[in-house]
Protein backbone atom coordinates (compact mmCIF):
# COMPACT_ATOMS: atom_id res chain seq x y z
CA UNK A 1 98.02 81.16 90.49
CA UNK A 2 96.60 80.13 93.85
CA UNK A 3 93.51 82.29 94.55
CA UNK A 4 94.44 82.50 98.22
CA UNK A 5 98.00 83.74 97.67
CA UNK A 6 96.72 87.26 97.12
CA UNK A 7 94.85 87.18 100.41
CA UNK A 8 97.86 85.80 102.23
CA UNK A 9 100.05 88.52 100.73
CA UNK A 10 97.62 91.19 101.80
CA UNK A 11 97.53 89.76 105.31
CA UNK A 12 101.32 89.72 105.41
CA UNK A 13 101.49 93.33 104.28
CA UNK A 14 98.91 94.32 106.88
CA UNK A 15 101.08 92.68 109.54
CA UNK A 16 104.09 94.65 108.28
CA UNK A 17 102.11 97.88 108.40
CA UNK A 18 101.02 97.18 111.98
CA UNK A 19 104.61 96.36 112.96
CA UNK A 20 106.04 99.51 111.37
CA UNK A 21 103.41 101.73 112.98
CA UNK A 22 103.88 100.14 116.40
CA UNK A 23 107.66 100.54 116.27
CA UNK A 24 107.42 104.16 115.11
CA UNK A 25 104.98 104.92 117.91
CA UNK A 26 107.68 103.70 120.31
CA UNK A 27 109.78 106.60 119.05
CA UNK A 28 111.88 104.81 116.45
CA UNK A 29 112.63 106.38 113.09
CA UNK A 30 110.83 104.91 110.10
CA UNK A 31 114.12 104.37 108.24
CA UNK A 32 115.48 102.37 111.18
CA UNK A 33 112.33 100.25 111.50
CA UNK A 34 112.52 99.35 107.80
CA UNK A 35 115.99 97.88 108.43
CA UNK A 36 114.69 95.47 111.08
CA UNK A 37 115.03 91.77 110.18
CA UNK A 38 111.27 91.38 110.63
CA UNK A 39 110.78 93.80 107.74
CA UNK A 40 113.74 92.89 105.54
CA UNK A 41 112.90 89.18 105.67
CA UNK A 42 109.32 89.83 104.55
CA UNK A 43 109.48 92.79 102.17
CA UNK A 44 111.29 93.37 98.91
CA UNK A 45 111.51 96.76 97.19
CA UNK A 46 108.08 96.39 95.58
CA UNK A 47 106.47 95.47 98.89
CA UNK A 48 108.11 98.46 100.59
CA UNK A 49 106.73 100.74 97.89
CA UNK A 50 103.24 99.35 98.49
CA UNK A 51 103.65 99.79 102.24
CA UNK A 52 104.50 103.47 101.75
CA UNK A 53 101.18 103.87 99.94
CA UNK A 54 99.17 102.07 102.62
CA UNK A 55 96.60 104.60 103.92
CA UNK A 56 96.87 103.44 107.54
CA UNK A 57 100.65 103.86 107.54
CA UNK A 58 100.53 107.28 105.86
CA UNK A 59 97.86 108.41 108.30
CA UNK A 60 99.78 107.21 111.34
CA UNK A 61 103.22 108.48 110.35
CA UNK A 62 102.45 111.52 108.24
CA UNK A 63 103.18 112.38 104.65
CA UNK A 64 106.62 113.84 105.36
CA UNK A 65 108.13 110.69 106.83
CA UNK A 66 106.60 108.49 104.17
CA UNK A 67 107.66 110.80 101.33
CA UNK A 68 111.26 110.66 102.53
CA UNK A 69 111.26 106.86 102.47
CA UNK A 70 109.50 106.81 99.09
CA UNK A 71 112.34 108.89 97.66
CA UNK A 72 114.97 106.55 99.16
CA UNK A 73 113.22 103.50 97.74
CA UNK A 74 112.97 105.11 94.31
CA UNK A 75 116.70 105.84 94.38
CA UNK A 76 117.58 102.16 94.90
């Protein structure tokens, strides 16, 4: 395994977190933002689960919104 792939993945996830937070701060619903091509082209189910555990995202959006999406992801 390439030792840099982990870093690149982390950077990609950080970019997704920033995108999701920015879009939600514009007033969009988290569920709608997660359907954006920017997100769907970069995140599979496992990545989405990790994003919902990202401290910065949970802090910015609140536990309630994140818990709802966690439940939807688990139901997939």
